[in-house]
N, C-alpha and C. Protein backbone atom coordinates (compact mmCIF):
# COMPACT_ATOMS: atom_id res chain seq x y z
N UNK A 1 -69.38 44.84 -48.38
CA UNK A 1 -68.73 43.56 -48.28
C UNK A 1 -67.78 43.41 -49.46
N UNK A 2 -66.58 42.95 -49.12
CA UNK A 2 -65.63 42.84 -50.21
C UNK A 2 -66.06 41.75 -51.16
N UNK A 3 -65.63 41.96 -52.26
CA UNK A 3 -65.94 41.03 -53.33
C UNK A 3 -65.18 39.73 -53.09
N UNK A 4 -65.75 38.61 -53.50
CA UNK A 4 -65.10 37.31 -53.30
C UNK A 4 -63.71 37.27 -53.93
N UNK A 5 -63.62 37.83 -55.09
CA UNK A 5 -62.32 37.82 -55.78
C UNK A 5 -61.29 38.61 -54.99
N UNK A 6 -61.69 39.73 -54.45
CA UNK A 6 -60.78 40.55 -53.69
C UNK A 6 -60.37 39.82 -52.42
N UNK A 7 -61.34 39.14 -51.78
CA UNK A 7 -61.05 38.39 -50.57
C UNK A 7 -60.08 37.25 -50.87
N UNK A 8 -60.33 36.53 -51.93
CA UNK A 8 -59.44 35.43 -52.34
C UNK A 8 -58.08 35.97 -52.73
N UNK A 9 -58.09 37.09 -53.38
CA UNK A 9 -56.83 37.69 -53.79
C UNK A 9 -56.02 38.11 -52.57
N UNK A 10 -56.69 38.67 -51.56
CA UNK A 10 -56.00 39.08 -50.34
C UNK A 10 -55.50 37.85 -49.59
N UNK A 11 -56.30 36.80 -49.58
CA UNK A 11 -55.92 35.55 -48.93
C UNK A 11 -54.72 34.94 -49.66
N UNK A 12 -54.78 34.90 -50.99
CA UNK A 12 -53.67 34.37 -51.78
C UNK A 12 -52.41 35.19 -51.55
N UNK A 13 -52.58 36.50 -51.47
CA UNK A 13 -51.43 37.37 -51.25
C UNK A 13 -50.82 37.09 -49.88
N UNK A 14 -51.68 36.90 -48.88
CA UNK A 14 -51.19 36.63 -47.52
C UNK A 14 -50.45 35.30 -47.48
N UNK A 15 -51.04 34.28 -48.12
CA UNK A 15 -50.39 32.97 -48.16
C UNK A 15 -49.10 33.05 -48.96
N UNK A 16 -49.15 33.80 -50.04
CA UNK A 16 -47.97 33.97 -50.87
C UNK A 16 -46.85 34.66 -50.09
N UNK A 17 -47.19 35.68 -49.32
CA UNK A 17 -46.20 36.38 -48.50
C UNK A 17 -45.61 35.43 -47.45
N UNK A 18 -46.52 34.64 -46.83
CA UNK A 18 -46.06 33.69 -45.82
C UNK A 18 -45.15 32.64 -46.46
N UNK A 19 -45.52 32.16 -47.62
CA UNK A 19 -44.71 31.18 -48.34
C UNK A 19 -43.36 31.77 -48.72
N UNK A 20 -43.37 33.02 -49.12
CA UNK A 20 -42.12 33.70 -49.46
C UNK A 20 -41.22 33.82 -48.24
N UNK A 21 -41.83 34.14 -47.08
CA UNK A 21 -41.06 34.26 -45.85
C UNK A 21 -40.44 32.91 -45.47
N UNK A 22 -41.21 31.83 -45.61
CA UNK A 22 -40.70 30.49 -45.28
C UNK A 22 -39.56 30.14 -46.23
N UNK A 23 -39.78 30.39 -47.50
CA UNK A 23 -38.73 30.11 -48.49
C UNK A 23 -37.50 30.96 -48.25
N UNK A 24 -37.71 32.22 -47.90
CA UNK A 24 -36.60 33.11 -47.62
C UNK A 24 -35.82 32.64 -46.40
N UNK A 25 -36.51 32.16 -45.38
CA UNK A 25 -35.84 31.65 -44.18
C UNK A 25 -35.02 30.41 -44.54
N UNK A 26 -35.62 29.53 -45.34
CA UNK A 26 -34.89 28.33 -45.77
C UNK A 26 -33.68 28.72 -46.62
N UNK A 27 -33.86 29.70 -47.48
CA UNK A 27 -32.79 30.17 -48.33
C UNK A 27 -31.66 30.77 -47.48
N UNK A 28 -32.04 31.51 -46.43
CA UNK A 28 -31.03 32.09 -45.53
C UNK A 28 -30.24 30.99 -44.83
N UNK A 29 -30.95 29.94 -44.36
CA UNK A 29 -30.27 28.83 -43.71
C UNK A 29 -29.32 28.15 -44.69
N UNK A 30 -29.81 27.92 -45.90
CA UNK A 30 -28.98 27.30 -46.93
C UNK A 30 -27.79 28.19 -47.24
N UNK A 31 -28.05 29.47 -47.37
CA UNK A 31 -26.99 30.43 -47.67
C UNK A 31 -25.95 30.45 -46.56
N UNK A 32 -26.42 30.48 -45.30
CA UNK A 32 -25.49 30.47 -44.17
C UNK A 32 -24.66 29.20 -44.16
N UNK A 33 -25.28 28.09 -44.42
CA UNK A 33 -24.57 26.81 -44.44
C UNK A 33 -23.53 26.81 -45.57
N UNK A 34 -23.91 27.28 -46.73
CA UNK A 34 -22.98 27.31 -47.87
C UNK A 34 -21.86 28.31 -47.65
N UNK A 35 -22.16 29.45 -47.06
CA UNK A 35 -21.10 30.42 -46.83
C UNK A 35 -20.12 29.89 -45.79
N UNK A 36 -20.64 29.15 -44.78
CA UNK A 36 -19.74 28.52 -43.82
C UNK A 36 -18.84 27.50 -44.52
N UNK A 37 -19.45 26.71 -45.39
CA UNK A 37 -18.66 25.73 -46.17
C UNK A 37 -17.64 26.43 -47.05
N UNK A 38 -18.06 27.48 -47.71
CA UNK A 38 -17.17 28.22 -48.60
C UNK A 38 -16.01 28.81 -47.81
N UNK A 39 -16.30 29.34 -46.64
CA UNK A 39 -15.24 29.92 -45.82
C UNK A 39 -14.25 28.85 -45.37
N UNK A 40 -14.75 27.70 -44.92
CA UNK A 40 -13.88 26.62 -44.48
C UNK A 40 -13.03 26.11 -45.64
N UNK A 41 -13.64 25.92 -46.79
CA UNK A 41 -12.90 25.44 -47.96
C UNK A 41 -11.84 26.45 -48.38
N UNK A 42 -12.17 27.73 -48.32
CA UNK A 42 -11.20 28.77 -48.66
C UNK A 42 -10.00 28.72 -47.73
N UNK A 43 -10.25 28.58 -46.44
CA UNK A 43 -9.16 28.48 -45.46
C UNK A 43 -8.32 27.24 -45.74
N UNK A 44 -8.98 26.10 -45.99
CA UNK A 44 -8.27 24.86 -46.29
C UNK A 44 -7.44 24.98 -47.58
N UNK A 45 -8.01 25.62 -48.59
CA UNK A 45 -7.27 25.81 -49.85
C UNK A 45 -6.05 26.69 -49.64
N UNK A 46 -6.20 27.76 -48.88
CA UNK A 46 -5.06 28.64 -48.60
C UNK A 46 -3.97 27.88 -47.85
N UNK A 47 -4.37 27.03 -46.90
CA UNK A 47 -3.42 26.22 -46.14
C UNK A 47 -2.67 25.27 -47.09
N UNK A 48 -3.40 24.62 -47.97
CA UNK A 48 -2.78 23.67 -48.92
C UNK A 48 -1.89 24.40 -49.92
N UNK A 49 -2.31 25.59 -50.35
CA UNK A 49 -1.45 26.37 -51.26
C UNK A 49 -0.14 26.73 -50.57
N UNK A 50 -0.21 27.06 -49.28
CA UNK A 50 1.00 27.37 -48.52
C UNK A 50 1.89 26.13 -48.43
N UNK A 51 1.28 24.97 -48.17
CA UNK A 51 2.04 23.71 -48.12
C UNK A 51 2.71 23.43 -49.46
N UNK A 52 1.98 23.65 -50.54
CA UNK A 52 2.54 23.43 -51.89
C UNK A 52 3.72 24.35 -52.12
N UNK A 53 3.58 25.62 -51.79
CA UNK A 53 4.66 26.58 -52.01
C UNK A 53 5.88 26.23 -51.16
N UNK A 54 5.65 25.79 -49.91
CA UNK A 54 6.75 25.36 -49.05
C UNK A 54 7.47 24.16 -49.66
N UNK A 55 6.70 23.20 -50.16
CA UNK A 55 7.29 22.01 -50.78
C UNK A 55 8.07 22.37 -52.04
N UNK A 56 7.54 23.30 -52.81
CA UNK A 56 8.25 23.75 -54.02
C UNK A 56 9.57 24.41 -53.63
N UNK A 57 9.55 25.23 -52.58
CA UNK A 57 10.80 25.86 -52.11
C UNK A 57 11.81 24.82 -51.66
N UNK A 58 11.34 23.82 -50.92
CA UNK A 58 12.24 22.75 -50.48
C UNK A 58 12.79 21.98 -51.68
N UNK A 59 11.93 21.71 -52.66
CA UNK A 59 12.37 21.00 -53.86
C UNK A 59 13.40 21.83 -54.63
N UNK A 60 13.18 23.13 -54.71
CA UNK A 60 14.15 24.00 -55.39
C UNK A 60 15.51 23.95 -54.70
N UNK A 61 15.50 23.98 -53.37
CA UNK A 61 16.76 23.89 -52.61
C UNK A 61 17.43 22.54 -52.85
N UNK A 62 16.63 21.48 -52.86
CA UNK A 62 17.16 20.14 -53.10
C UNK A 62 17.77 20.05 -54.50
N UNK A 63 17.11 20.63 -55.47
CA UNK A 63 17.63 20.63 -56.85
C UNK A 63 18.98 21.34 -56.90
N UNK A 64 19.09 22.46 -56.21
CA UNK A 64 20.37 23.19 -56.17
C UNK A 64 21.46 22.31 -55.55
N UNK A 65 21.11 21.63 -54.44
CA UNK A 65 22.08 20.75 -53.78
C UNK A 65 22.50 19.61 -54.70
N UNK A 66 21.52 19.03 -55.40
CA UNK A 66 21.81 17.93 -56.32
C UNK A 66 22.70 18.42 -57.47
N UNK A 67 22.41 19.61 -57.98
CA UNK A 67 23.25 20.16 -59.05
C UNK A 67 24.67 20.37 -58.56
N UNK A 68 24.82 20.88 -57.33
CA UNK A 68 26.15 21.06 -56.76
C UNK A 68 26.84 19.72 -56.60
N UNK A 69 26.12 18.73 -56.10
CA UNK A 69 26.69 17.38 -55.97
C UNK A 69 27.08 16.80 -57.33
N UNK A 70 26.23 17.01 -58.33
CA UNK A 70 26.55 16.51 -59.67
C UNK A 70 27.80 17.17 -60.22
N UNK A 71 27.93 18.47 -59.99
CA UNK A 71 29.14 19.16 -60.44
C UNK A 71 30.37 18.63 -59.72
N UNK A 72 30.25 18.43 -58.41
CA UNK A 72 31.35 17.88 -57.62
C UNK A 72 31.66 16.46 -58.10
N UNK A 73 30.62 15.68 -58.33
CA UNK A 73 30.79 14.33 -58.84
C UNK A 73 31.56 14.33 -60.15
N UNK A 74 31.13 15.16 -61.09
CA UNK A 74 31.79 15.22 -62.40
C UNK A 74 33.27 15.58 -62.25
N UNK A 75 33.54 16.57 -61.39
CA UNK A 75 34.92 16.99 -61.18
C UNK A 75 35.76 15.85 -60.60
N UNK A 76 35.26 15.21 -59.57
CA UNK A 76 36.01 14.12 -58.94
C UNK A 76 36.16 12.94 -59.89
N UNK A 77 35.10 12.61 -60.61
CA UNK A 77 35.13 11.49 -61.54
C UNK A 77 36.20 11.72 -62.62
N UNK A 78 36.17 12.91 -63.20
CA UNK A 78 37.15 13.25 -64.24
C UNK A 78 38.57 13.27 -63.67
N UNK A 79 38.70 13.83 -62.47
CA UNK A 79 40.02 13.89 -61.83
C UNK A 79 40.56 12.48 -61.58
N UNK A 80 39.72 11.58 -61.09
CA UNK A 80 40.15 10.20 -60.87
C UNK A 80 40.54 9.52 -62.18
N UNK A 81 39.70 9.71 -63.20
CA UNK A 81 40.02 9.10 -64.50
C UNK A 81 41.35 9.62 -65.03
N UNK A 82 41.52 10.94 -64.99
CA UNK A 82 42.75 11.55 -65.50
C UNK A 82 43.97 11.06 -64.70
N UNK A 83 43.83 11.03 -63.37
CA UNK A 83 44.94 10.58 -62.52
C UNK A 83 45.27 9.11 -62.79
N UNK A 84 44.24 8.30 -63.00
CA UNK A 84 44.49 6.88 -63.30
C UNK A 84 45.24 6.72 -64.62
N UNK A 85 44.82 7.47 -65.62
CA UNK A 85 45.50 7.39 -66.93
C UNK A 85 46.96 7.83 -66.80
N UNK A 86 47.16 8.94 -66.10
CA UNK A 86 48.52 9.44 -65.91
C UNK A 86 49.36 8.46 -65.10
N UNK A 87 48.77 7.86 -64.07
CA UNK A 87 49.49 6.87 -63.26
C UNK A 87 49.87 5.65 -64.10
N UNK A 88 48.99 5.23 -64.97
CA UNK A 88 49.29 4.08 -65.86
C UNK A 88 50.47 4.41 -66.78
N UNK A 89 50.45 5.63 -67.34
CA UNK A 89 51.56 6.04 -68.21
C UNK A 89 52.88 6.07 -67.43
N UNK A 90 52.83 6.69 -66.23
CA UNK A 90 54.04 6.78 -65.42
C UNK A 90 54.51 5.40 -64.96
N UNK A 91 53.59 4.54 -64.66
CA UNK A 91 53.93 3.17 -64.24
C UNK A 91 54.66 2.46 -65.38
N UNK A 92 54.13 2.59 -66.59
CA UNK A 92 54.75 1.96 -67.75
C UNK A 92 56.17 2.50 -67.95
N UNK A 93 56.28 3.81 -67.89
CA UNK A 93 57.60 4.43 -68.04
C UNK A 93 58.52 4.02 -66.88
N UNK A 94 57.99 3.97 -65.67
CA UNK A 94 58.77 3.56 -64.51
C UNK A 94 59.28 2.14 -64.64
N UNK A 95 58.43 1.25 -65.14
CA UNK A 95 58.87 -0.14 -65.33
C UNK A 95 59.97 -0.22 -66.39
N UNK A 96 59.82 0.58 -67.45
CA UNK A 96 60.88 0.59 -68.48
C UNK A 96 62.21 1.03 -67.87
N UNK A 97 62.17 2.11 -67.07
CA UNK A 97 63.39 2.61 -66.43
C UNK A 97 63.93 1.57 -65.45
N UNK A 98 63.06 0.94 -64.69
CA UNK A 98 63.50 -0.07 -63.73
C UNK A 98 64.21 -1.22 -64.46
N UNK A 99 63.62 -1.69 -65.56
CA UNK A 99 64.24 -2.80 -66.29
C UNK A 99 65.58 -2.38 -66.89
N UNK A 100 65.67 -1.13 -67.34
CA UNK A 100 66.95 -0.64 -67.84
C UNK A 100 67.99 -0.59 -66.72
N UNK A 101 67.57 -0.11 -65.54
CA UNK A 101 68.48 -0.10 -64.39
C UNK A 101 68.91 -1.52 -64.02
N UNK A 102 67.98 -2.43 -64.02
CA UNK A 102 68.28 -3.83 -63.67
C UNK A 102 69.27 -4.43 -64.67
N UNK A 103 68.98 -4.20 -65.96
CA UNK A 103 69.87 -4.74 -66.99
C UNK A 103 71.26 -4.11 -66.90
N UNK A 104 71.28 -2.79 -66.66
CA UNK A 104 72.57 -2.09 -66.52
C UNK A 104 73.33 -2.61 -65.30
N UNK A 105 72.63 -2.82 -64.21
CA UNK A 105 73.27 -3.33 -63.00
C UNK A 105 73.79 -4.74 -63.24
N UNK A 106 73.00 -5.56 -63.91
CA UNK A 106 73.43 -6.94 -64.23
C UNK A 106 74.69 -6.92 -65.08
N UNK A 107 74.73 -6.02 -66.08
CA UNK A 107 75.90 -5.93 -66.96
C UNK A 107 77.15 -5.52 -66.19
N UNK A 108 76.95 -4.76 -65.12
CA UNK A 108 78.08 -4.31 -64.32
C UNK A 108 78.36 -5.25 -63.15
N UNK A 109 77.55 -6.30 -63.04
CA UNK A 109 77.72 -7.26 -61.96
C UNK A 109 77.22 -6.74 -60.63
N UNK A 110 76.26 -5.82 -60.68
CA UNK A 110 75.70 -5.25 -59.45
C UNK A 110 74.30 -5.80 -59.21
N UNK A 111 73.89 -5.73 -57.96
CA UNK A 111 72.50 -6.11 -57.62
C UNK A 111 71.63 -4.86 -57.71
N UNK A 112 70.56 -4.95 -58.49
CA UNK A 112 69.67 -3.80 -58.67
C UNK A 112 69.10 -3.33 -57.33
N UNK A 113 68.98 -4.24 -56.37
CA UNK A 113 68.43 -3.87 -55.06
C UNK A 113 69.40 -3.01 -54.24
N UNK A 114 70.64 -2.89 -54.74
CA UNK A 114 71.59 -2.01 -54.08
C UNK A 114 71.46 -0.57 -54.57
N UNK A 115 70.65 -0.37 -55.59
CA UNK A 115 70.41 0.98 -56.13
C UNK A 115 69.11 1.50 -55.52
N UNK A 116 69.25 2.45 -54.60
CA UNK A 116 68.09 2.96 -53.85
C UNK A 116 66.98 3.44 -54.78
N UNK A 117 67.32 4.19 -55.82
CA UNK A 117 66.31 4.73 -56.73
C UNK A 117 65.54 3.61 -57.44
N UNK A 118 66.27 2.51 -57.78
CA UNK A 118 65.62 1.39 -58.44
C UNK A 118 64.63 0.71 -57.49
N UNK A 119 65.02 0.56 -56.23
CA UNK A 119 64.14 -0.05 -55.23
C UNK A 119 62.92 0.84 -55.00
N UNK A 120 63.15 2.13 -54.85
CA UNK A 120 62.03 3.07 -54.64
C UNK A 120 61.07 3.05 -55.83
N UNK A 121 61.65 3.00 -57.03
CA UNK A 121 60.83 2.96 -58.24
C UNK A 121 60.02 1.68 -58.30
N UNK A 122 60.62 0.57 -57.95
CA UNK A 122 59.92 -0.72 -57.95
C UNK A 122 58.76 -0.70 -56.96
N UNK A 123 59.01 -0.19 -55.76
CA UNK A 123 57.96 -0.10 -54.74
C UNK A 123 56.83 0.82 -55.23
N UNK A 124 57.21 1.94 -55.82
CA UNK A 124 56.20 2.91 -56.29
C UNK A 124 55.33 2.30 -57.40
N UNK A 125 55.93 1.53 -58.32
CA UNK A 125 55.13 0.93 -59.41
C UNK A 125 54.18 -0.13 -58.86
N UNK A 126 54.60 -0.84 -57.83
CA UNK A 126 53.71 -1.83 -57.21
C UNK A 126 52.59 -1.11 -56.45
N UNK A 127 52.95 -0.08 -55.69
CA UNK A 127 51.94 0.66 -54.91
C UNK A 127 50.94 1.39 -55.80
N UNK A 128 51.40 1.87 -56.95
CA UNK A 128 50.48 2.59 -57.83
C UNK A 128 49.41 1.64 -58.37
N UNK A 129 49.75 0.37 -58.52
CA UNK A 129 48.73 -0.61 -58.93
C UNK A 129 47.59 -0.66 -57.91
N UNK A 130 47.95 -0.66 -56.63
CA UNK A 130 46.93 -0.66 -55.57
C UNK A 130 46.07 0.61 -55.65
N UNK A 131 46.72 1.73 -55.89
CA UNK A 131 45.98 3.00 -55.99
C UNK A 131 45.06 3.00 -57.21
N UNK A 132 45.55 2.48 -58.32
CA UNK A 132 44.73 2.42 -59.53
C UNK A 132 43.53 1.50 -59.31
N UNK A 133 43.75 0.37 -58.66
CA UNK A 133 42.65 -0.56 -58.37
C UNK A 133 41.62 0.10 -57.45
N UNK A 134 42.10 0.80 -56.42
CA UNK A 134 41.20 1.50 -55.49
C UNK A 134 40.42 2.60 -56.22
N UNK A 135 41.11 3.33 -57.09
CA UNK A 135 40.45 4.40 -57.85
C UNK A 135 39.40 3.82 -58.79
N UNK A 136 39.73 2.72 -59.42
CA UNK A 136 38.78 2.06 -60.33
C UNK A 136 37.54 1.61 -59.58
N UNK A 137 37.75 1.05 -58.39
CA UNK A 137 36.63 0.63 -57.55
C UNK A 137 35.79 1.85 -57.14
N UNK A 138 36.46 2.93 -56.82
CA UNK A 138 35.75 4.16 -56.44
C UNK A 138 34.94 4.70 -57.61
N UNK A 139 35.50 4.66 -58.81
CA UNK A 139 34.76 5.10 -59.99
C UNK A 139 33.50 4.25 -60.18
N UNK A 140 33.63 2.95 -59.97
CA UNK A 140 32.47 2.06 -60.08
C UNK A 140 31.40 2.44 -59.05
N UNK A 141 31.84 2.69 -57.80
CA UNK A 141 30.88 3.06 -56.76
C UNK A 141 30.23 4.40 -57.07
N UNK A 142 31.02 5.34 -57.55
CA UNK A 142 30.46 6.64 -57.92
C UNK A 142 29.43 6.46 -59.04
N UNK A 143 29.81 5.69 -60.04
CA UNK A 143 28.89 5.46 -61.17
C UNK A 143 27.61 4.79 -60.71
N UNK A 144 27.73 3.83 -59.81
CA UNK A 144 26.52 3.15 -59.31
C UNK A 144 25.61 4.11 -58.54
N UNK A 145 26.23 5.00 -57.75
CA UNK A 145 25.44 5.89 -56.91
C UNK A 145 24.92 7.11 -57.66
N UNK A 146 25.54 7.46 -58.74
CA UNK A 146 25.11 8.65 -59.49
C UNK A 146 24.58 8.30 -60.87
N UNK A 147 24.39 7.00 -61.11
CA UNK A 147 23.83 6.53 -62.38
C UNK A 147 24.57 7.10 -63.57
N UNK A 148 25.88 7.09 -63.50
CA UNK A 148 26.72 7.63 -64.58
C UNK A 148 26.82 6.60 -65.67
């Protein structure tokens, strides 16, 4: 007859093995559940990383477009400013010439309006004011839209 200790030891070992099997089964279920979660999260992370990279590429393209627009803006803004300054100078000079023509015509007893160049110059100096005003308004709109 086996000894009581041996019998208890065999019984404990059997229960211990059974307990290990139950724990192992639970561990496998837990492991399977976690690996499923890990796989799903990995797929979701890869999807989001792809979205991030796509957005970064779009942002890079937008930045290039904005830089091109800023360069175009600077060129147009400077061109308008320069043209306005030059038009103001020419207008001033044109008015001086017109007044000289008018005074010369008056001294000769002529009507300045009979001198085609004087009339053309007078019209041009008046029209350039409209252009300068329009350009100034355009500069304001450009500045407002580009925060210059």
